[in-house]
Amino acid sequence: MIPAILSVSLQSLTLVDLITILVGYIIFWIMISIPVYVAGKILTAGKATFGEAMLSTLLGPVVYVIVLLLVNYFLGAIAGLSASIWAYILAFIAWIWVFKASFKTNWLAGLGIAILAVVILVVLNIPLGSLFGTAIPGSFFPSV
């Protein structure tokens, strides 16, 4: 059953609203894939493709959430609150595995791609924030 407040919101959406949301998510996905692509190109000696970057940015969060939920569920009964710490650690390792598998590289390069992608994202957000008054993701980076 859908909560009343959510059903009102869903009922008020038009087809144009849904298409706009979908297009917005696709643009966001492409923009988030750019730093991952650049990091992959740097750390794989130019062998990375934009498709690999898009695959890793699509699957990474999904794998992260699945591992986080499963570890919390199964370890929560045994380890209590410390299960959350283990869940975050294992989910992060799983996300690194997605980079490793997507870019066909080793664990250290997968970790390097993740770290370098964040650095590149921060650097790209400086001119983006200055020119457009926004950043990606907007809630994470303050406007310049």
N, C-alpha and C. Protein backbone atom coordinates (compact mmCIF):
# COMPACT_ATOMS: atom_id res chain seq x y z
N MET A 1 0.84 -1.18 0.00
CA MET A 1 0.00 0.00 0.00
C MET A 1 0.88 1.25 0.00
N ILE A 2 0.56 2.21 -0.81
CA ILE A 2 1.32 3.44 -0.92
C ILE A 2 0.80 4.45 0.11
N PRO A 3 1.71 5.07 0.86
CA PRO A 3 1.26 6.10 1.81
C PRO A 3 0.52 7.21 1.09
N ALA A 4 -0.43 7.84 1.79
CA ALA A 4 -1.29 8.85 1.18
C ALA A 4 -0.49 10.01 0.59
N ILE A 5 0.53 10.48 1.29
CA ILE A 5 1.29 11.63 0.80
C ILE A 5 2.06 11.28 -0.47
N LEU A 6 2.55 10.03 -0.56
CA LEU A 6 3.27 9.60 -1.75
C LEU A 6 2.32 9.40 -2.92
N SER A 7 1.14 8.84 -2.67
CA SER A 7 0.20 8.59 -3.76
C SER A 7 -0.29 9.89 -4.37
N VAL A 8 -0.45 10.93 -3.56
CA VAL A 8 -0.85 12.23 -4.11
C VAL A 8 0.25 12.76 -5.01
N SER A 9 1.50 12.62 -4.60
CA SER A 9 2.61 13.10 -5.41
C SER A 9 2.71 12.34 -6.71
N LEU A 10 2.54 11.02 -6.65
CA LEU A 10 2.63 10.21 -7.87
C LEU A 10 1.48 10.49 -8.80
N GLN A 11 0.29 10.73 -8.27
CA GLN A 11 -0.86 10.99 -9.11
C GLN A 11 -0.77 12.34 -9.81
N SER A 12 -0.07 13.27 -9.19
CA SER A 12 0.01 14.60 -9.79
C SER A 12 1.10 14.70 -10.87
N LEU A 13 1.92 13.67 -11.03
CA LEU A 13 2.96 13.70 -12.05
C LEU A 13 2.36 13.44 -13.43
N THR A 14 2.76 14.25 -14.38
CA THR A 14 2.32 14.04 -15.76
C THR A 14 3.40 13.27 -16.50
N LEU A 15 3.10 12.88 -17.70
CA LEU A 15 4.07 12.18 -18.53
C LEU A 15 5.28 13.07 -18.80
N VAL A 16 5.04 14.35 -19.00
CA VAL A 16 6.14 15.31 -19.22
C VAL A 16 7.03 15.36 -17.98
N ASP A 17 6.42 15.36 -16.78
CA ASP A 17 7.19 15.37 -15.54
C ASP A 17 8.07 14.12 -15.45
N LEU A 18 7.52 12.97 -15.76
CA LEU A 18 8.27 11.72 -15.70
C LEU A 18 9.41 11.69 -16.71
N ILE A 19 9.15 12.18 -17.91
CA ILE A 19 10.20 12.24 -18.93
C ILE A 19 11.30 13.21 -18.51
N THR A 20 10.90 14.35 -17.94
CA THR A 20 11.87 15.33 -17.46
C THR A 20 12.74 14.74 -16.37
N ILE A 21 12.15 14.03 -15.44
CA ILE A 21 12.91 13.38 -14.36
C ILE A 21 13.87 12.35 -14.94
N LEU A 22 13.40 11.53 -15.87
CA LEU A 22 14.24 10.51 -16.49
C LEU A 22 15.41 11.14 -17.24
N VAL A 23 15.15 12.17 -18.01
CA VAL A 23 16.22 12.86 -18.75
C VAL A 23 17.21 13.48 -17.77
N GLY A 24 16.72 14.07 -16.69
CA GLY A 24 17.59 14.65 -15.68
C GLY A 24 18.50 13.62 -15.05
N TYR A 25 17.96 12.44 -14.74
CA TYR A 25 18.79 11.37 -14.18
C TYR A 25 19.83 10.88 -15.18
N ILE A 26 19.48 10.78 -16.44
CA ILE A 26 20.44 10.35 -17.45
C ILE A 26 21.56 11.37 -17.61
N ILE A 27 21.20 12.66 -17.62
CA ILE A 27 22.24 13.71 -17.70
C ILE A 27 23.14 13.65 -16.48
N PHE A 28 22.54 13.50 -15.30
CA PHE A 28 23.33 13.40 -14.06
C PHE A 28 24.26 12.19 -14.12
N TRP A 29 23.76 11.06 -14.62
CA TRP A 29 24.56 9.83 -14.74
C TRP A 29 25.75 10.06 -15.67
N ILE A 30 25.52 10.72 -16.79
CA ILE A 30 26.61 11.00 -17.74
C ILE A 30 27.64 11.93 -17.09
N MET A 31 27.18 12.96 -16.39
CA MET A 31 28.10 13.92 -15.79
C MET A 31 28.92 13.29 -14.66
N ILE A 32 28.31 12.40 -13.90
CA ILE A 32 29.04 11.71 -12.84
C ILE A 32 30.03 10.71 -13.43
N SER A 33 29.74 10.19 -14.62
CA SER A 33 30.63 9.23 -15.26
C SER A 33 31.90 9.88 -15.82
N ILE A 34 31.86 11.17 -16.08
CA ILE A 34 33.03 11.85 -16.67
C ILE A 34 34.25 11.78 -15.76
N PRO A 35 34.16 12.14 -14.47
CA PRO A 35 35.36 12.02 -13.62
C PRO A 35 35.85 10.58 -13.48
N VAL A 36 34.92 9.64 -13.46
CA VAL A 36 35.31 8.22 -13.37
C VAL A 36 36.04 7.81 -14.65
N TYR A 37 35.56 8.29 -15.79
CA TYR A 37 36.21 7.99 -17.07
C TYR A 37 37.63 8.56 -17.11
N VAL A 38 37.77 9.82 -16.71
CA VAL A 38 39.09 10.45 -16.72
C VAL A 38 40.04 9.71 -15.77
N ALA A 39 39.56 9.37 -14.58
CA ALA A 39 40.39 8.63 -13.62
C ALA A 39 40.76 7.26 -14.18
N GLY A 40 39.80 6.60 -14.83
CA GLY A 40 40.08 5.31 -15.44
C GLY A 40 41.09 5.41 -16.56
N LYS A 41 40.97 6.44 -17.39
CA LYS A 41 41.95 6.65 -18.47
C LYS A 41 43.35 6.83 -17.92
N ILE A 42 43.45 7.61 -16.84
CA ILE A 42 44.77 7.88 -16.24
C ILE A 42 45.36 6.61 -15.65
N LEU A 43 44.56 5.85 -14.91
CA LEU A 43 45.09 4.71 -14.17
C LEU A 43 45.13 3.40 -14.95
N THR A 44 44.54 3.39 -16.15
CA THR A 44 44.64 2.17 -16.98
C THR A 44 45.48 2.42 -18.22
N ALA A 45 46.26 3.48 -18.21
CA ALA A 45 47.14 3.84 -19.33
C ALA A 45 46.34 4.02 -20.62
N GLY A 46 45.18 4.66 -20.51
CA GLY A 46 44.39 4.99 -21.68
C GLY A 46 43.49 3.89 -22.20
N LYS A 47 43.39 2.77 -21.51
CA LYS A 47 42.59 1.64 -21.99
C LYS A 47 41.11 1.75 -21.61
N ALA A 48 40.78 2.63 -20.68
CA ALA A 48 39.40 2.74 -20.21
C ALA A 48 38.51 3.35 -21.27
N THR A 49 37.25 2.93 -21.28
CA THR A 49 36.27 3.50 -22.20
C THR A 49 35.19 4.21 -21.39
N PHE A 50 34.47 5.09 -22.06
CA PHE A 50 33.40 5.81 -21.38
C PHE A 50 32.28 4.84 -21.00
N GLY A 51 32.08 3.81 -21.79
CA GLY A 51 31.08 2.79 -21.46
C GLY A 51 31.40 2.07 -20.16
N GLU A 52 32.68 1.78 -19.94
CA GLU A 52 33.08 1.15 -18.68
C GLU A 52 32.82 2.08 -17.50
N ALA A 53 33.07 3.36 -17.71
CA ALA A 53 32.82 4.34 -16.65
C ALA A 53 31.32 4.43 -16.35
N MET A 54 30.51 4.44 -17.38
CA MET A 54 29.06 4.52 -17.17
C MET A 54 28.54 3.25 -16.50
N LEU A 55 29.08 2.10 -16.89
CA LEU A 55 28.68 0.85 -16.25
C LEU A 55 29.03 0.86 -14.77
N SER A 56 30.24 1.31 -14.45
CA SER A 56 30.65 1.31 -13.05
C SER A 56 29.87 2.32 -12.22
N THR A 57 29.50 3.46 -12.80
CA THR A 57 28.71 4.43 -12.04
C THR A 57 27.25 4.00 -11.92
N LEU A 58 26.80 3.12 -12.81
CA LEU A 58 25.44 2.58 -12.69
C LEU A 58 25.40 1.43 -11.69
N LEU A 59 26.36 0.51 -11.78
CA LEU A 59 26.34 -0.67 -10.93
C LEU A 59 26.92 -0.43 -9.53
N GLY A 60 27.87 0.50 -9.42
CA GLY A 60 28.52 0.75 -8.14
C GLY A 60 27.56 1.03 -7.00
N PRO A 61 26.67 2.01 -7.14
CA PRO A 61 25.73 2.28 -6.06
C PRO A 61 24.77 1.12 -5.77
N VAL A 62 24.38 0.40 -6.81
CA VAL A 62 23.47 -0.74 -6.63
C VAL A 62 24.15 -1.82 -5.80
N VAL A 63 25.38 -2.18 -6.18
CA VAL A 63 26.14 -3.19 -5.44
C VAL A 63 26.39 -2.71 -4.01
N TYR A 64 26.73 -1.43 -3.86
CA TYR A 64 26.99 -0.86 -2.54
C TYR A 64 25.77 -1.04 -1.62
N VAL A 65 24.60 -0.66 -2.10
CA VAL A 65 23.39 -0.73 -1.28
C VAL A 65 23.02 -2.18 -0.98
N ILE A 66 23.15 -3.07 -1.95
CA ILE A 66 22.83 -4.48 -1.72
C ILE A 66 23.73 -5.07 -0.65
N VAL A 67 25.03 -4.84 -0.76
CA VAL A 67 25.98 -5.36 0.24
C VAL A 67 25.70 -4.73 1.60
N LEU A 68 25.46 -3.44 1.64
CA LEU A 68 25.17 -2.74 2.89
C LEU A 68 23.95 -3.34 3.59
N LEU A 69 22.88 -3.54 2.85
CA LEU A 69 21.67 -4.09 3.44
C LEU A 69 21.84 -5.54 3.87
N LEU A 70 22.48 -6.35 3.03
CA LEU A 70 22.65 -7.77 3.38
C LEU A 70 23.56 -7.96 4.59
N VAL A 71 24.66 -7.23 4.63
CA VAL A 71 25.57 -7.37 5.77
C VAL A 71 24.89 -6.88 7.05
N ASN A 72 24.18 -5.76 6.98
CA ASN A 72 23.45 -5.28 8.15
C ASN A 72 22.41 -6.29 8.61
N TYR A 73 21.72 -6.89 7.66
CA TYR A 73 20.67 -7.85 8.00
C TYR A 73 21.24 -9.11 8.66
N PHE A 74 22.26 -9.68 8.03
CA PHE A 74 22.79 -10.95 8.54
C PHE A 74 23.72 -10.78 9.74
N LEU A 75 24.52 -9.72 9.74
CA LEU A 75 25.42 -9.51 10.89
C LEU A 75 24.74 -8.77 12.04
N GLY A 76 23.65 -8.06 11.75
CA GLY A 76 22.97 -7.29 12.77
C GLY A 76 22.52 -8.13 13.94
N ALA A 77 22.03 -9.32 13.67
CA ALA A 77 21.57 -10.20 14.74
C ALA A 77 22.73 -10.73 15.58
N ILE A 78 23.90 -10.87 14.97
CA ILE A 78 25.06 -11.42 15.67
C ILE A 78 25.89 -10.34 16.34
N ALA A 79 26.21 -9.29 15.58
CA ALA A 79 27.16 -8.29 16.05
C ALA A 79 26.51 -7.02 16.59
N GLY A 80 25.22 -6.87 16.44
CA GLY A 80 24.56 -5.67 16.94
C GLY A 80 24.95 -4.43 16.17
N LEU A 81 25.23 -3.35 16.89
CA LEU A 81 25.54 -2.07 16.25
C LEU A 81 26.85 -2.08 15.46
N SER A 82 27.79 -2.92 15.85
CA SER A 82 29.06 -2.96 15.11
C SER A 82 28.88 -3.54 13.71
N ALA A 83 27.75 -4.16 13.46
CA ALA A 83 27.47 -4.68 12.12
C ALA A 83 27.43 -3.56 11.09
N SER A 84 26.97 -2.39 11.50
CA SER A 84 26.90 -1.25 10.58
C SER A 84 28.28 -0.84 10.10
N ILE A 85 29.25 -0.87 11.00
CA ILE A 85 30.62 -0.51 10.62
C ILE A 85 31.13 -1.51 9.58
N TRP A 86 30.93 -2.79 9.86
CA TRP A 86 31.36 -3.82 8.92
C TRP A 86 30.61 -3.71 7.61
N ALA A 87 29.34 -3.36 7.67
CA ALA A 87 28.54 -3.24 6.46
C ALA A 87 29.09 -2.13 5.56
N TYR A 88 29.43 -0.98 6.15
CA TYR A 88 29.99 0.11 5.35
C TYR A 88 31.35 -0.26 4.75
N ILE A 89 32.18 -0.93 5.54
CA ILE A 89 33.50 -1.33 5.04
C ILE A 89 33.36 -2.31 3.88
N LEU A 90 32.52 -3.33 4.07
CA LEU A 90 32.34 -4.34 3.02
C LEU A 90 31.64 -3.76 1.79
N ALA A 91 30.71 -2.83 1.99
CA ALA A 91 30.03 -2.20 0.86
C ALA A 91 31.02 -1.35 0.06
N PHE A 92 31.92 -0.66 0.74
CA PHE A 92 32.95 0.14 0.05
C PHE A 92 33.87 -0.78 -0.75
N ILE A 93 34.27 -1.90 -0.16
CA ILE A 93 35.11 -2.87 -0.87
C ILE A 93 34.38 -3.41 -2.09
N ALA A 94 33.09 -3.65 -1.95
CA ALA A 94 32.30 -4.13 -3.09
C ALA A 94 32.25 -3.08 -4.20
N TRP A 95 32.16 -1.81 -3.83
CA TRP A 95 32.15 -0.74 -4.83
C TRP A 95 33.50 -0.67 -5.54
N ILE A 96 34.57 -0.84 -4.81
CA ILE A 96 35.91 -0.87 -5.42
C ILE A 96 35.99 -2.06 -6.37
N TRP A 97 35.39 -3.19 -5.98
CA TRP A 97 35.37 -4.37 -6.84
C TRP A 97 34.66 -4.04 -8.17
N VAL A 98 33.60 -3.23 -8.11
CA VAL A 98 32.90 -2.83 -9.34
C VAL A 98 33.85 -2.06 -10.25
N PHE A 99 34.62 -1.12 -9.69
CA PHE A 99 35.61 -0.39 -10.49
C PHE A 99 36.65 -1.36 -11.05
N LYS A 100 37.12 -2.26 -10.22
CA LYS A 100 38.13 -3.25 -10.62
C LYS A 100 37.60 -4.09 -11.78
N ALA A 101 36.37 -4.58 -11.65
CA ALA A 101 35.79 -5.45 -12.68
C ALA A 101 35.44 -4.66 -13.95
N SER A 102 34.91 -3.47 -13.79
CA SER A 102 34.51 -2.66 -14.95
C SER A 102 35.70 -2.25 -15.80
N PHE A 103 36.78 -1.87 -15.15
CA PHE A 103 37.96 -1.40 -15.86
C PHE A 103 39.01 -2.49 -16.09
N LYS A 104 38.68 -3.72 -15.68
CA LYS A 104 39.57 -4.88 -15.86
C LYS A 104 40.97 -4.58 -15.33
N THR A 105 41.04 -4.21 -14.06
CA THR A 105 42.30 -3.81 -13.44
C THR A 105 42.44 -4.51 -12.09
N ASN A 106 43.45 -4.14 -11.32
CA ASN A 106 43.65 -4.77 -10.01
C ASN A 106 42.97 -3.94 -8.91
N TRP A 107 43.04 -4.45 -7.67
CA TRP A 107 42.37 -3.80 -6.55
C TRP A 107 42.93 -2.41 -6.28
N LEU A 108 44.23 -2.26 -6.35
CA LEU A 108 44.86 -0.97 -6.06
C LEU A 108 44.45 0.07 -7.10
N ALA A 109 44.41 -0.32 -8.36
CA ALA A 109 43.97 0.61 -9.40
C ALA A 109 42.48 0.94 -9.25
N GLY A 110 41.68 -0.04 -8.84
CA GLY A 110 40.26 0.22 -8.58
C GLY A 110 40.07 1.25 -7.48
N LEU A 111 40.85 1.11 -6.41
CA LEU A 111 40.82 2.10 -5.33
C LEU A 111 41.31 3.45 -5.84
N GLY A 112 42.36 3.44 -6.64
CA GLY A 112 42.89 4.68 -7.20
C GLY A 112 41.88 5.38 -8.09
N ILE A 113 41.13 4.62 -8.88
CA ILE A 113 40.10 5.21 -9.74
C ILE A 113 39.04 5.88 -8.87
N ALA A 114 38.62 5.22 -7.80
CA ALA A 114 37.61 5.79 -6.91
C ALA A 114 38.10 7.09 -6.29
N ILE A 115 39.31 7.10 -5.78
CA ILE A 115 39.85 8.29 -5.12
C ILE A 115 40.08 9.41 -6.13
N LEU A 116 40.70 9.08 -7.26
CA LEU A 116 41.00 10.10 -8.27
C LEU A 116 39.71 10.67 -8.86
N ALA A 117 38.68 9.85 -9.02
CA ALA A 117 37.41 10.34 -9.55
C ALA A 117 36.80 11.39 -8.61
N VAL A 118 36.91 11.17 -7.31
CA VAL A 118 36.40 12.16 -6.35
C VAL A 118 37.20 13.45 -6.45
N VAL A 119 38.52 13.34 -6.55
CA VAL A 119 39.37 14.54 -6.68
C VAL A 119 39.01 15.30 -7.96
N ILE A 120 38.85 14.59 -9.06
CA ILE A 120 38.49 15.23 -10.33
C ILE A 120 37.11 15.89 -10.23
N LEU A 121 36.17 15.22 -9.58
CA LEU A 121 34.83 15.79 -9.41
C LEU A 121 34.90 17.09 -8.63
N VAL A 122 35.68 17.11 -7.57
CA VAL A 122 35.82 18.34 -6.77
C VAL A 122 36.44 19.45 -7.62
N VAL A 123 37.48 19.12 -8.37
CA VAL A 123 38.14 20.12 -9.20
C VAL A 123 37.20 20.63 -10.29
N LEU A 124 36.42 19.76 -10.90
CA LEU A 124 35.47 20.18 -11.94
C LEU A 124 34.33 21.02 -11.37
N ASN A 125 34.01 20.81 -10.12
CA ASN A 125 32.91 21.55 -9.51
C ASN A 125 33.26 23.01 -9.24
N ILE A 126 34.53 23.34 -9.17
CA ILE A 126 34.91 24.73 -8.92
C ILE A 126 34.46 25.63 -10.08
N PRO A 127 34.84 25.34 -11.34
CA PRO A 127 34.34 26.19 -12.42
C PRO A 127 32.83 26.03 -12.65
N LEU A 128 32.31 24.82 -12.45
CA LEU A 128 30.89 24.58 -12.63
C LEU A 128 30.08 25.43 -11.65
N GLY A 129 30.52 25.45 -10.40
CA GLY A 129 29.85 26.26 -9.40
C GLY A 129 29.97 27.74 -9.68
N SER A 130 31.12 28.16 -10.18
CA SER A 130 31.33 29.57 -10.49
C SER A 130 30.49 30.02 -11.68
N LEU A 131 30.42 29.21 -12.72
CA LEU A 131 29.70 29.59 -13.93
C LEU A 131 28.18 29.48 -13.79
N PHE A 132 27.74 28.40 -13.17
CA PHE A 132 26.30 28.11 -13.16
C PHE A 132 25.65 28.24 -11.79
N GLY A 133 26.45 28.44 -10.76
CA GLY A 133 25.89 28.57 -9.42
C GLY A 133 25.39 27.27 -8.84
N THR A 134 25.88 26.16 -9.37
CA THR A 134 25.48 24.85 -8.87
C THR A 134 26.66 23.91 -8.95
N ALA A 135 26.52 22.76 -8.33
CA ALA A 135 27.57 21.75 -8.33
C ALA A 135 26.94 20.38 -8.38
N ILE A 136 27.75 19.37 -8.66
CA ILE A 136 27.25 18.00 -8.76
C ILE A 136 27.91 17.16 -7.68
N PRO A 137 27.25 16.48 -6.84
CA PRO A 137 25.84 16.68 -6.50
C PRO A 137 25.66 17.97 -5.73
N GLY A 138 24.60 18.67 -5.98
CA GLY A 138 24.37 19.99 -5.43
C GLY A 138 24.32 20.02 -3.91
N SER A 139 23.80 18.97 -3.30
CA SER A 139 23.69 18.96 -1.85
C SER A 139 25.03 18.70 -1.16
N PHE A 140 26.01 18.20 -1.90
CA PHE A 140 27.29 17.84 -1.30
C PHE A 140 28.29 18.98 -1.35
N PHE A 141 28.32 19.70 -2.46
CA PHE A 141 29.28 20.78 -2.64
C PHE A 141 28.57 22.13 -2.52
N PRO A 142 29.12 23.05 -1.75
CA PRO A 142 28.49 24.37 -1.65
C PRO A 142 28.70 25.16 -2.95
N SER A 143 27.79 26.05 -3.23
CA SER A 143 27.92 26.92 -4.42
C SER A 143 29.05 27.91 -4.16
N VAL A 144 29.76 28.26 -5.23
CA VAL A 144 30.87 29.20 -5.12
C VAL A 144 30.38 30.59 -5.41
